[in-house]
PDB file of all heavy atoms in Angstrom:
ATOM      1  N   ILE A   1      21.229  17.473  12.708  1.00  0.00           N
ATOM      2  CA  ILE A   1      20.605  17.824  14.042  1.00  0.00           C
ATOM      3  C   ILE A   1      19.566  18.881  13.825  1.00  0.00           C
ATOM      4  O   ILE A   1      18.417  18.706  14.405  1.00  0.00           O
ATOM      5  CB  ILE A   1      21.784  18.320  14.950  1.00  0.00           C
ATOM      6  CG1 ILE A   1      22.614  17.155  15.408  1.00  0.00           C
ATOM      7  CG2 ILE A   1      21.142  18.946  16.206  1.00  0.00           C
ATOM      8  CD1 ILE A   1      23.893  17.587  16.249  1.00  0.00           C
ATOM      9  N   GLU A   2      19.818  19.850  13.104  1.00  0.00           N
ATOM     10  CA  GLU A   2      18.758  20.979  12.879  1.00  0.00           C
ATOM     11  C   GLU A   2      17.581  20.429  12.158  1.00  0.00           C
ATOM     12  O   GLU A   2      16.458  20.882  12.508  1.00  0.00           O
ATOM     13  CB  GLU A   2      19.459  22.110  12.100  1.00  0.00           C
ATOM     14  CG  GLU A   2      18.588  23.309  12.003  1.00  0.00           C
ATOM     15  CD  GLU A   2      19.098  24.481  11.277  1.00  0.00           C
ATOM     16  OE1 GLU A   2      20.310  24.653  11.512  1.00  0.00           O
ATOM     17  OE2 GLU A   2      18.433  25.119  10.498  1.00  0.00           O
ATOM     18  N   SER A   3      17.758  19.364  11.317  1.00  0.00           N
ATOM     19  CA  SER A   3      16.559  18.856  10.551  1.00  0.00           C
ATOM     20  C   SER A   3      15.615  18.022  11.431  1.00  0.00           C
ATOM     21  O   SER A   3      14.480  17.919  11.065  1.00  0.00           O
ATOM     22  CB  SER A   3      17.092  17.978   9.415  1.00  0.00           C
ATOM     23  OG  SER A   3      17.463  16.727   9.882  1.00  0.00           O
ATOM     24  N   ILE A   4      16.125  17.558  12.655  1.00  0.00           N
ATOM     25  CA  ILE A   4      15.329  16.743  13.351  1.00  0.00           C
ATOM     26  C   ILE A   4      14.071  17.413  13.968  1.00  0.00           C
ATOM     27  O   ILE A   4      12.960  16.902  13.928  1.00  0.00           O
ATOM     28  CB  ILE A   4      16.210  16.028  14.526  1.00  0.00           C
ATOM     29  CG1 ILE A   4      17.231  15.166  13.930  1.00  0.00           C
ATOM     30  CG2 ILE A   4      15.256  15.225  15.434  1.00  0.00           C
ATOM     31  CD1 ILE A   4      18.274  14.683  14.928  1.00  0.00           C
ATOM     32  N   GLN A   5      14.366  18.575  14.498  1.00  0.00           N
ATOM     33  CA  GLN A   5      13.172  19.316  15.234  1.00  0.00           C
ATOM     34  C   GLN A   5      12.340  20.096  14.289  1.00  0.00           C
ATOM     35  O   GLN A   5      11.183  20.029  14.256  1.00  0.00           O
ATOM     36  CB  GLN A   5      13.814  20.281  16.188  1.00  0.00           C
ATOM     37  CG  GLN A   5      14.209  19.443  17.509  1.00  0.00           C
ATOM     38  CD  GLN A   5      13.076  19.076  18.416  1.00  0.00           C
ATOM     39  OE1 GLN A   5      11.900  19.259  18.055  1.00  0.00           O
ATOM     40  NE2 GLN A   5      13.248  18.644  19.610  1.00  0.00           N
ATOM     41  N   ASN A   6      13.000  20.900  13.390  1.00  0.00           N
ATOM     42  CA  ASN A   6      12.191  21.851  12.621  1.00  0.00           C
ATOM     43  C   ASN A   6      12.815  21.861  11.209  1.00  0.00           C
ATOM     44  O   ASN A   6      13.738  22.753  10.938  1.00  0.00           O
ATOM     45  CB  ASN A   6      12.218  23.284  13.221  1.00  0.00           C
ATOM     46  CG  ASN A   6      11.223  24.223  12.550  1.00  0.00           C
ATOM     47  OD1 ASN A   6      10.396  23.801  11.845  1.00  0.00           O
ATOM     48  ND2 ASN A   6      11.481  25.533  12.823  1.00  0.00           N
ATOM     49  N   ASN A   7      12.459  21.032  10.372  1.00  0.00           N
ATOM     50  CA  ASN A   7      13.142  20.873   9.087  1.00  0.00           C
ATOM     51  C   ASN A   7      12.888  21.924   8.104  1.00  0.00           C
ATOM     52  O   ASN A   7      11.807  22.083   7.522  1.00  0.00           O
ATOM     53  CB  ASN A   7      12.834  19.502   8.499  1.00  0.00           C
ATOM     54  CG  ASN A   7      13.796  19.078   7.437  1.00  0.00           C
ATOM     55  OD1 ASN A   7      14.498  19.798   6.751  1.00  0.00           O
ATOM     56  ND2 ASN A   7      13.977  17.698   7.241  1.00  0.00           N
ATOM     57  N   GLY A   8      13.859  22.719   7.767  1.00  0.00           N
ATOM     58  CA  GLY A   8      13.813  23.801   6.760  1.00  0.00           C
ATOM     59  C   GLY A   8      14.662  23.648   5.625  1.00  0.00           C
ATOM     60  O   GLY A   8      14.962  24.561   4.857  1.00  0.00           O
ATOM     61  N   PHE A   9      15.277  22.349   5.393  1.00  0.00           N
ATOM     62  CA  PHE A   9      16.191  22.105   4.310  1.00  0.00           C
ATOM     63  C   PHE A   9      15.385  21.631   3.067  1.00  0.00           C
ATOM     64  O   PHE A   9      15.438  20.500   2.669  1.00  0.00           O
ATOM     65  CB  PHE A   9      17.237  21.088   4.766  1.00  0.00           C
ATOM     66  CG  PHE A   9      18.143  21.533   5.877  1.00  0.00           C
ATOM     67  CD1 PHE A   9      18.021  21.093   7.229  1.00  0.00           C
ATOM     68  CD2 PHE A   9      19.066  22.610   5.580  1.00  0.00           C
ATOM     69  CE1 PHE A   9      18.792  21.489   8.215  1.00  0.00           C
ATOM     70  CE2 PHE A   9      19.888  23.078   6.726  1.00  0.00           C
ATOM     71  CZ  PHE A   9      19.786  22.447   7.926  1.00  0.00           C
ATOM     72  N   HIS A  10      14.725  22.586   2.497  1.00  0.00           N
ATOM     73  CA  HIS A  10      13.942  22.282   1.370  1.00  0.00           C
ATOM     74  C   HIS A  10      14.737  22.300   0.125  1.00  0.00           C
ATOM     75  O   HIS A  10      15.502  23.247  -0.151  1.00  0.00           O
ATOM     76  CB  HIS A  10      12.840  23.407   1.282  1.00  0.00           C
ATOM     77  CG  HIS A  10      11.716  23.130   0.297  1.00  0.00           C
ATOM     78  ND1 HIS A  10      11.808  23.593  -1.026  1.00  0.00           N
ATOM     79  CD2 HIS A  10      10.541  22.450   0.386  1.00  0.00           C
ATOM     80  CE1 HIS A  10      10.694  23.239  -1.599  1.00  0.00           C
ATOM     81  NE2 HIS A  10      10.007  22.524  -0.841  1.00  0.00           N
ATOM     82  N   SER A  11      14.638  21.250  -0.740  1.00  0.00           N
ATOM     83  CA  SER A  11      15.585  21.133  -1.849  1.00  0.00           C
ATOM     84  C   SER A  11      14.990  21.170  -3.160  1.00  0.00           C
ATOM     85  O   SER A  11      13.742  21.114  -3.340  1.00  0.00           O
ATOM     86  CB  SER A  11      16.301  19.820  -1.674  1.00  0.00           C
ATOM     87  OG  SER A  11      15.309  18.787  -1.887  1.00  0.00           O
ATOM     88  N   GLN A  12      15.809  21.385  -4.135  1.00  0.00           N
ATOM     89  CA  GLN A  12      15.497  21.357  -5.568  1.00  0.00           C
ATOM     90  C   GLN A  12      15.943  20.096  -6.219  1.00  0.00           C
ATOM     91  O   GLN A  12      17.215  19.716  -5.850  1.00  0.00           O
ATOM     92  CB  GLN A  12      15.958  22.608  -6.254  1.00  0.00           C
ATOM     93  CG  GLN A  12      15.331  23.844  -5.934  1.00  0.00           C
ATOM     94  CD  GLN A  12      13.915  23.937  -6.441  1.00  0.00           C
ATOM     95  OE1 GLN A  12      13.589  23.591  -7.591  1.00  0.00           O
ATOM     96  NE2 GLN A  12      13.027  24.390  -5.630  1.00  0.00           N
ATOM     97  N   ARG A  13      15.278  19.448  -7.001  1.00  0.00           N
ATOM     98  CA  ARG A  13      15.791  18.282  -7.723  1.00  0.00           C
ATOM     99  C   ARG A  13      16.751  18.584  -8.837  1.00  0.00           C
ATOM    100  O   ARG A  13      16.527  19.571  -9.599  1.00  0.00           O
ATOM    101  CB  ARG A  13      14.598  17.530  -8.275  1.00  0.00           C
ATOM    102  CG  ARG A  13      14.936  16.096  -8.896  1.00  0.00           C
ATOM    103  CD  ARG A  13      13.858  15.429  -9.432  1.00  0.00           C
ATOM    104  NE  ARG A  13      12.946  14.926  -8.472  1.00  0.00           N
ATOM    105  CZ  ARG A  13      13.011  13.766  -7.858  1.00  0.00           C
ATOM    106  NH1 ARG A  13      13.954  12.965  -8.167  1.00  0.00           N
ATOM    107  NH2 ARG A  13      12.211  13.386  -6.897  1.00  0.00           N
ATOM    108  N   CYS A  14      17.722  17.806  -8.945  1.00  0.00           N
ATOM    109  CA  CYS A  14      18.792  18.105 -10.001  1.00  0.00           C
ATOM    110  C   CYS A  14      18.781  16.889 -10.946  1.00  0.00           C
ATOM    111  O   CYS A  14      18.416  15.773 -10.651  1.00  0.00           O
ATOM    112  CB  CYS A  14      20.173  18.264  -9.336  1.00  0.00           C
ATOM    113  SG  CYS A  14      20.333  19.330  -7.967  1.00  0.00           S
ATOM    114  N   THR A  15      19.244  17.215 -12.115  1.00  0.00           N
ATOM    115  CA  THR A  15      19.369  16.176 -13.206  1.00  0.00           C
ATOM    116  C   THR A  15      20.648  15.380 -13.001  1.00  0.00           C
ATOM    117  O   THR A  15      20.698  14.174 -13.230  1.00  0.00           O
ATOM    118  CB  THR A  15      19.261  16.719 -14.604  1.00  0.00           C
ATOM    119  OG1 THR A  15      18.036  17.557 -14.716  1.00  0.00           O
ATOM    120  CG2 THR A  15      19.291  15.707 -15.639  1.00  0.00           C
ATOM    121  N   THR A  16      21.746  16.102 -12.595  1.00  0.00           N
ATOM    122  CA  THR A  16      23.055  15.539 -12.556  1.00  0.00           C
ATOM    123  C   THR A  16      23.811  16.028 -11.344  1.00  0.00           C
ATOM    124  O   THR A  16      23.401  17.092 -10.830  1.00  0.00           O
ATOM    125  CB  THR A  16      23.932  15.793 -13.864  1.00  0.00           C
ATOM    126  OG1 THR A  16      24.112  17.272 -13.944  1.00  0.00           O
ATOM    127  CG2 THR A  16      23.146  15.412 -15.111  1.00  0.00           C
ATOM    128  N   GLU A  17      24.848  15.342 -11.017  1.00  0.00           N
ATOM    129  CA  GLU A  17      25.758  15.801  -9.973  1.00  0.00           C
ATOM    130  C   GLU A  17      26.362  17.121 -10.313  1.00  0.00           C
ATOM    131  O   GLU A  17      26.574  18.016  -9.475  1.00  0.00           O
ATOM    132  CB  GLU A  17      26.849  14.790  -9.642  1.00  0.00           C
ATOM    133  CG  GLU A  17      26.396  13.471  -9.048  1.00  0.00           C
ATOM    134  CD  GLU A  17      27.531  12.476  -8.851  1.00  0.00           C
ATOM    135  OE1 GLU A  17      28.612  12.923  -8.491  1.00  0.00           O
ATOM    136  OE2 GLU A  17      27.313  11.302  -9.127  1.00  0.00           O
ATOM    137  N   THR A  18      26.819  17.327 -11.592  1.00  0.00           N
ATOM    138  CA  THR A  18      27.320  18.524 -12.075  1.00  0.00           C
ATOM    139  C   THR A  18      26.366  19.711 -11.837  1.00  0.00           C
ATOM    140  O   THR A  18      26.869  20.755 -11.400  1.00  0.00           O
ATOM    141  CB  THR A  18      27.737  18.440 -13.571  1.00  0.00           C
ATOM    142  OG1 THR A  18      28.733  17.355 -13.741  1.00  0.00           O
ATOM    143  CG2 THR A  18      28.305  19.782 -14.114  1.00  0.00           C
ATOM    144  N   GLN A  19      25.167  19.517 -12.120  1.00  0.00           N
ATOM    145  CA  GLN A  19      24.138  20.509 -11.902  1.00  0.00           C
ATOM    146  C   GLN A  19      24.090  20.834 -10.462  1.00  0.00           C
ATOM    147  O   GLN A  19      24.047  22.049 -10.044  1.00  0.00           O
ATOM    148  CB  GLN A  19      22.811  20.015 -12.422  1.00  0.00           C
ATOM    149  CG  GLN A  19      21.706  21.130 -12.571  1.00  0.00           C
ATOM    150  CD  GLN A  19      20.373  20.515 -13.174  1.00  0.00           C
ATOM    151  OE1 GLN A  19      19.774  19.700 -12.472  1.00  0.00           O
ATOM    152  NE2 GLN A  19      20.087  21.071 -14.260  1.00  0.00           N
ATOM    153  N   ALA A  20      24.141  19.869  -9.602  1.00  0.00           N
ATOM    154  CA  ALA A  20      24.064  20.126  -8.203  1.00  0.00           C
ATOM    155  C   ALA A  20      25.349  20.847  -7.682  1.00  0.00           C
ATOM    156  O   ALA A  20      25.224  21.864  -6.876  1.00  0.00           O
ATOM    157  CB  ALA A  20      23.907  18.785  -7.429  1.00  0.00           C
ATOM    158  N   SER A  21      26.499  20.573  -8.228  1.00  0.00           N
ATOM    159  CA  SER A  21      27.715  21.197  -7.781  1.00  0.00           C
ATOM    160  C   SER A  21      27.794  22.561  -8.235  1.00  0.00           C
ATOM    161  O   SER A  21      28.359  23.470  -7.552  1.00  0.00           O
ATOM    162  CB  SER A  21      28.885  20.414  -8.318  1.00  0.00           C
ATOM    163  OG  SER A  21      29.046  20.569  -9.820  1.00  0.00           O
ATOM    164  N   ARG A  22      27.014  23.021  -9.262  1.00  0.00           N
ATOM    165  CA  ARG A  22      26.975  24.382  -9.775  1.00  0.00           C
ATOM    166  C   ARG A  22      25.816  25.089  -9.150  1.00  0.00           C
ATOM    167  O   ARG A  22      25.596  26.261  -9.472  1.00  0.00           O
ATOM    168  CB  ARG A  22      26.906  24.390 -11.228  1.00  0.00           C
ATOM    169  CG  ARG A  22      28.145  23.894 -11.974  1.00  0.00           C
ATOM    170  CD  ARG A  22      27.940  23.762 -13.447  1.00  0.00           C
ATOM    171  NE  ARG A  22      29.229  23.312 -14.057  1.00  0.00           N
ATOM    172  CZ  ARG A  22      29.292  22.941 -15.354  1.00  0.00           C
ATOM    173  NH1 ARG A  22      28.249  23.042 -16.159  1.00  0.00           N
ATOM    174  NH2 ARG A  22      30.427  22.533 -15.931  1.00  0.00           N
ATOM    175  N   GLU A  23      25.079  24.383  -8.223  1.00  0.00           N
ATOM    176  CA  GLU A  23      23.921  25.112  -7.644  1.00  0.00           C
ATOM    177  C   GLU A  23      22.920  25.650  -8.695  1.00  0.00           C
ATOM    178  O   GLU A  23      22.322  26.744  -8.475  1.00  0.00           O
ATOM    179  CB  GLU A  23      24.351  26.067  -6.606  1.00  0.00           C
ATOM    180  CG  GLU A  23      25.219  25.542  -5.517  1.00  0.00           C
ATOM    181  CD  GLU A  23      25.576  26.585  -4.513  1.00  0.00           C
ATOM    182  OE1 GLU A  23      24.688  26.894  -3.783  1.00  0.00           O
ATOM    183  OE2 GLU A  23      26.775  27.002  -4.444  1.00  0.00           O
ATOM    184  N   ASN A  24      22.692  24.810  -9.720  1.00  0.00           N
ATOM    185  CA  ASN A  24      21.890  25.259 -10.793  1.00  0.00           C
ATOM    186  C   ASN A  24      20.797  24.236 -11.099  1.00  0.00           C
ATOM    187  O   ASN A  24      20.780  23.672 -12.198  1.00  0.00           O
ATOM    188  CB  ASN A  24      22.658  25.598 -12.054  1.00  0.00           C
ATOM    189  CG  ASN A  24      22.004  26.098 -13.190  1.00  0.00           C
ATOM    190  OD1 ASN A  24      20.841  26.827 -13.007  1.00  0.00           O
ATOM    191  ND2 ASN A  24      22.359  25.827 -14.438  1.00  0.00           N
ATOM    192  N   CYS A  25      19.981  23.886 -10.048  1.00  0.00           N
ATOM    193  CA  CYS A  25      18.951  22.948 -10.267  1.00  0.00           C
ATOM    194  C   CYS A  25      17.592  23.469 -10.327  1.00  0.00           C
ATOM    195  O   CYS A  25      17.193  24.422  -9.418  1.00  0.00           O
ATOM    196  CB  CYS A  25      18.975  21.975  -8.971  1.00  0.00           C
ATOM    197  SG  CYS A  25      20.613  21.173  -8.797  1.00  0.00           S
ATOM    198  N   ASN A  26      16.837  23.135 -11.349  1.00  0.00           N
ATOM    199  CA  ASN A  26      15.416  23.711 -11.552  1.00  0.00           C
ATOM    200  C   ASN A  26      14.574  22.639 -12.015  1.00  0.00           C
ATOM    201  O   ASN A  26      13.627  22.947 -12.780  1.00  0.00           O
ATOM    202  CB  ASN A  26      15.574  24.791 -12.505  1.00  0.00           C
ATOM    203  CG  ASN A  26      16.190  24.454 -13.883  1.00  0.00           C
ATOM    204  OD1 ASN A  26      16.463  23.316 -14.056  1.00  0.00           O
ATOM    205  ND2 ASN A  26      16.562  25.490 -14.630  1.00  0.00           N
ATOM    206  N   SER A  27      14.817  21.379 -11.577  1.00  0.00           N
ATOM    207  CA  SER A  27      13.928  20.370 -12.068  1.00  0.00           C
ATOM    208  C   SER A  27      12.800  20.031 -11.069  1.00  0.00           C
ATOM    209  O   SER A  27      12.298  18.838 -11.009  1.00  0.00           O
ATOM    210  CB  SER A  27      14.798  18.984 -12.267  1.00  0.00           C
ATOM    211  OG  SER A  27      15.879  19.317 -13.132  1.00  0.00           O
ATOM    212  N   GLY A  28      12.329  21.002 -10.277  1.00  0.00           N
ATOM    213  CA  GLY A  28      11.240  20.753  -9.420  1.00  0.00           C
ATOM    214  C   GLY A  28      11.881  20.562  -8.025  1.00  0.00           C
ATOM    215  O   GLY A  28      13.036  20.273  -7.828  1.00  0.00           O
ATOM    216  N   GLY A  29      11.017  20.694  -6.988  1.00  0.00           N
ATOM    217  CA  GLY A  29      11.503  20.558  -5.564  1.00  0.00           C
ATOM    218  C   GLY A  29      10.492  19.919  -4.684  1.00  0.00           C
ATOM    219  O   GLY A  29       9.884  18.929  -5.084  1.00  0.00           O
ATOM    220  N   GLY A  30      10.274  20.405  -3.549  1.00  0.00           N
ATOM    221  CA  GLY A  30       9.334  19.911  -2.596  1.00  0.00           C
ATOM    222  C   GLY A  30       9.898  18.798  -1.719  1.00  0.00           C
ATOM    223  O   GLY A  30       9.061  18.269  -1.072  1.00  0.00           O
ATOM    224  N   GLN A  31      11.145  18.515  -1.701  1.00  0.00           N
ATOM    225  CA  GLN A  31      11.765  17.482  -0.858  1.00  0.00           C
ATOM    226  C   GLN A  31      12.534  18.189   0.363  1.00  0.00           C
ATOM    227  O   GLN A  31      13.227  19.169   0.204  1.00  0.00           O
ATOM    228  CB  GLN A  31      12.690  16.573  -1.672  1.00  0.00           C
ATOM    229  CG  GLN A  31      11.950  16.073  -2.852  1.00  0.00           C
ATOM    230  CD  GLN A  31      10.797  15.200  -2.689  1.00  0.00           C
ATOM    231  OE1 GLN A  31      10.578  14.674  -1.534  1.00  0.00           O
ATOM    232  NE2 GLN A  31       9.895  15.179  -3.584  1.00  0.00           N
ATOM    233  N   TRP A  32      12.524  17.509   1.431  1.00  0.00           N
ATOM    234  CA  TRP A  32      13.291  17.942   2.602  1.00  0.00           C
ATOM    235  C   TRP A  32      14.321  16.848   2.985  1.00  0.00           C
ATOM    236  O   TRP A  32      14.101  15.682   3.123  1.00  0.00           O
ATOM    237  CB  TRP A  32      12.325  18.007   3.836  1.00  0.00           C
ATOM    238  CG  TRP A  32      11.523  19.372   3.863  1.00  0.00           C
ATOM    239  CD1 TRP A  32      11.813  20.498   4.541  1.00  0.00           C
ATOM    240  CD2 TRP A  32      10.246  19.571   3.127  1.00  0.00           C
ATOM    241  NE1 TRP A  32      10.819  21.487   4.305  1.00  0.00           N
ATOM    242  CE2 TRP A  32       9.843  20.838   3.460  1.00  0.00           C
ATOM    243  CE3 TRP A  32       9.522  18.696   2.315  1.00  0.00           C
ATOM    244  CZ2 TRP A  32       8.691  21.428   2.914  1.00  0.00           C
ATOM    245  CZ3 TRP A  32       8.432  19.294   1.759  1.00  0.00           C
ATOM    246  CH2 TRP A  32       7.997  20.553   2.071  1.00  0.00           C
ATOM    247  N   PHE A  33      15.569  17.351   3.067  1.00  0.00           N
ATOM    248  CA  PHE A  33      16.672  16.555   3.585  1.00  0.00           C
ATOM    249  C   PHE A  33      16.276  15.954   4.928  1.00  0.00           C
ATOM    250  O   PHE A  33      15.978  16.696   5.858  1.00  0.00           O
ATOM    251  CB  PHE A  33      18.043  17.270   3.662  1.00  0.00           C
ATOM    252  CG  PHE A  33      19.022  16.581   4.530  1.00  0.00           C
ATOM    253  CD1 PHE A  33      19.505  15.408   4.305  1.00  0.00           C
ATOM    254  CD2 PHE A  33      19.344  17.200   5.797  1.00  0.00           C
ATOM    255  CE1 PHE A  33      20.397  14.791   5.164  1.00  0.00           C
ATOM    256  CE2 PHE A  33      20.129  16.623   6.708  1.00  0.00           C
ATOM    257  CZ  PHE A  33      20.744  15.375   6.382  1.00  0.00           C
ATOM    258  N   GLY A  34      16.535  14.692   5.173  1.00  0.00           N
ATOM    259  CA  GLY A  34      16.372  14.050   6.515  1.00  0.00           C
ATOM    260  C   GLY A  34      15.063  13.833   6.996  1.00  0.00           C
ATOM    261  O   GLY A  34      14.881  13.528   8.219  1.00  0.00           O
ATOM    262  N   HIS A  35      14.014  14.087   6.167  1.00  0.00           N
ATOM    263  CA  HIS A  35      12.668  13.942   6.699  1.00  0.00           C
ATOM    264  C   HIS A  35      12.227  12.544   6.746  1.00  0.00           C
ATOM    265  O   HIS A  35      12.578  11.681   5.829  1.00  0.00           O
ATOM    266  CB  HIS A  35      11.636  14.791   5.777  1.00  0.00           C
ATOM    267  CG  HIS A  35      10.335  14.982   6.511  1.00  0.00           C
ATOM    268  ND1 HIS A  35       9.310  14.094   6.499  1.00  0.00           N
ATOM    269  CD2 HIS A  35       9.846  15.974   7.281  1.00  0.00           C
ATOM    270  CE1 HIS A  35       8.355  14.575   7.194  1.00  0.00           C
ATOM    271  NE2 HIS A  35       8.635  15.779   7.646  1.00  0.00           N
ATOM    272  N   ALA A  36      11.493  12.118   7.799  1.00  0.00           N
ATOM    273  CA  ALA A  36      11.091  10.814   8.095  1.00  0.00           C
ATOM    274  C   ALA A  36      10.267  10.199   6.960  1.00  0.00           C
ATOM    275  O   ALA A  36      10.196   8.972   6.763  1.00  0.00           O
ATOM    276  CB  ALA A  36      10.321  10.672   9.442  1.00  0.00           C
ATOM    277  N   ASP A  37       9.502  11.109   6.201  1.00  0.00           N
ATOM    278  CA  ASP A  37       8.660  10.552   5.147  1.00  0.00           C
ATOM    279  C   ASP A  37       9.485  10.126   3.884  1.00  0.00           C
ATOM    280  O   ASP A  37       8.891   9.553   2.996  1.00  0.00           O
ATOM    281  CB  ASP A  37       7.643  11.566   4.746  1.00  0.00           C
ATOM    282  CG  ASP A  37       6.518  11.726   5.803  1.00  0.00           C
ATOM    283  OD1 ASP A  37       6.323  10.872   6.605  1.00  0.00           O
ATOM    284  OD2 ASP A  37       5.839  12.768   5.732  1.00  0.00           O
ATOM    285  N   ASN A  38      10.710  10.566   3.790  1.00  0.00           N
ATOM    286  CA  ASN A  38      11.457  10.300   2.553  1.00  0.00           C
ATOM    287  C   ASN A  38      11.571   8.813   2.286  1.00  0.00           C
ATOM    288  O   ASN A  38      11.354   8.323   1.153  1.00  0.00           O
ATOM    289  CB  ASN A  38      12.923  10.813   2.680  1.00  0.00           C
ATOM    290  CG  ASN A  38      12.966  12.259   2.623  1.00  0.00           C
ATOM    291  OD1 ASN A  38      11.928  13.017   2.318  1.00  0.00           O
ATOM    292  ND2 ASN A  38      14.098  13.000   2.973  1.00  0.00           N
ATOM    293  N   GLY A  39      11.750   8.014   3.319  1.00  0.00           N
ATOM    294  CA  GLY A  39      11.761   6.582   3.071  1.00  0.00           C
ATOM    295  C   GLY A  39      10.458   6.032   2.805  1.00  0.00           C
ATOM    296  O   GLY A  39      10.342   5.116   1.872  1.00  0.00           O
ATOM    297  N   ASN A  40       9.498   6.494   3.440  1.00  0.00           N
ATOM    298  CA  ASN A  40       8.084   5.907   3.190  1.00  0.00           C
ATOM    299  C   ASN A  40       7.718   6.318   1.753  1.00  0.00           C
ATOM    300  O   ASN A  40       6.863   5.551   1.065  1.00  0.00           O
ATOM    301  CB  ASN A  40       7.123   6.605   4.084  1.00  0.00           C
ATOM    302  CG  ASN A  40       7.397   6.003   5.492  1.00  0.00           C
ATOM    303  OD1 ASN A  40       7.792   4.962   5.756  1.00  0.00           O
ATOM    304  ND2 ASN A  40       7.108   6.862   6.508  1.00  0.00           N
ATOM    305  N   ASN A  41       8.186   7.419   1.170  1.00  0.00           N
ATOM    306  CA  ASN A  41       7.750   7.880  -0.097  1.00  0.00           C
ATOM    307  C   ASN A  41       8.741   7.413  -1.197  1.00  0.00           C
ATOM    308  O   ASN A  41       8.632   7.877  -2.437  1.00  0.00           O
ATOM    309  CB  ASN A  41       7.677   9.437  -0.165  1.00  0.00           C
ATOM    310  CG  ASN A  41       6.620  10.021   0.760  1.00  0.00           C
ATOM    311  OD1 ASN A  41       5.665   9.346   0.961  1.00  0.00           O
ATOM    312  ND2 ASN A  41       6.742  11.260   1.097  1.00  0.00           N
ATOM    313  N   ASN A  42       9.580   6.570  -0.875  1.00  0.00           N
ATOM    314  CA  ASN A  42      10.551   5.997  -1.835  1.00  0.00           C
ATOM    315  C   ASN A  42      11.343   7.087  -2.639  1.00  0.00           C
ATOM    316  O   ASN A  42      11.390   7.075  -3.869  1.00  0.00           O
ATOM    317  CB  ASN A  42       9.918   4.990  -2.760  1.00  0.00           C
ATOM    318  CG  ASN A  42       9.392   3.790  -2.065  1.00  0.00           C
ATOM    319  OD1 ASN A  42      10.064   3.156  -1.270  1.00  0.00           O
ATOM    320  ND2 ASN A  42       8.155   3.455  -2.223  1.00  0.00           N
ATOM    321  N   LEU A  43      11.830   8.065  -1.931  1.00  0.00           N
ATOM    322  CA  LEU A  43      12.412   9.246  -2.597  1.00  0.00           C
ATOM    323  C   LEU A  43      13.644   8.726  -3.418  1.00  0.00           C
ATOM    324  O   LEU A  43      14.548   7.941  -2.850  1.00  0.00           O
ATOM    325  CB  LEU A  43      12.859  10.295  -1.612  1.00  0.00           C
ATOM    326  CG  LEU A  43      13.559  11.546  -2.130  1.00  0.00           C
ATOM    327  CD1 LEU A  43      12.421  12.293  -2.916  1.00  0.00           C
ATOM    328  CD2 LEU A  43      14.003  12.465  -0.957  1.00  0.00           C
ATOM    329  N   ARG A  44      13.899   9.253  -4.526  1.00  0.00           N
ATOM    330  CA  ARG A  44      15.010   8.847  -5.435  1.00  0.00           C
ATOM    331  C   ARG A  44      15.599  10.149  -6.160  1.00  0.00           C
ATOM    332  O   ARG A  44      14.761  11.021  -6.455  1.00  0.00           O
ATOM    333  CB  ARG A  44      14.621   7.793  -6.416  1.00  0.00           C
ATOM    334  CG  ARG A  44      14.206   6.476  -5.922  1.00  0.00           C
ATOM    335  CD  ARG A  44      15.290   5.739  -5.170  1.00  0.00           C
ATOM    336  NE  ARG A  44      14.813   4.479  -4.729  1.00  0.00           N
ATOM    337  CZ  ARG A  44      14.310   4.202  -3.566  1.00  0.00           C
ATOM    338  NH1 ARG A  44      13.958   5.097  -2.725  1.00  0.00           N
ATOM    339  NH2 ARG A  44      13.993   2.895  -3.297  1.00  0.00           N
ATOM    340  N   GLY A  45      16.813  10.227  -6.276  1.00  0.00           N
ATOM    341  CA  GLY A  45      17.346  11.291  -7.105  1.00  0.00           C
ATOM    342  C   GLY A  45      18.504  12.099  -6.461  1.00  0.00           C
ATOM    343  O   GLY A  45      19.054  11.748  -5.355  1.00  0.00           O
ATOM    344  N   ILE A  46      18.859  13.156  -7.183  1.00  0.00           N
ATOM    345  CA  ILE A  46      19.925  14.174  -6.691  1.00  0.00           C
ATOM    346  C   ILE A  46      19.225  15.489  -6.349  1.00  0.00           C
ATOM    347  O   ILE A  46      18.349  15.974  -7.101  1.00  0.00           O
ATOM    348  CB  ILE A  46      20.977  14.292  -7.873  1.00  0.00           C
ATOM    349  CG1 ILE A  46      21.580  12.954  -8.153  1.00  0.00           C
ATOM    350  CG2 ILE A  46      21.965  15.373  -7.376  1.00  0.00           C
ATOM    351  CD1 ILE A  46      22.434  12.993  -9.459  1.00  0.00           C
TER     352      ILE A  46
END
């Protein structure tokens, strides 16, 4: 719901689920959860 109006859920790309679970991702970022462009940009990954 919060992402719909003013999306601030800026994320970091992870290599593995384990890396994500440990909150230790440093493989680049620039993606927003729930953003309408994600589908158009064919976003893939963790």
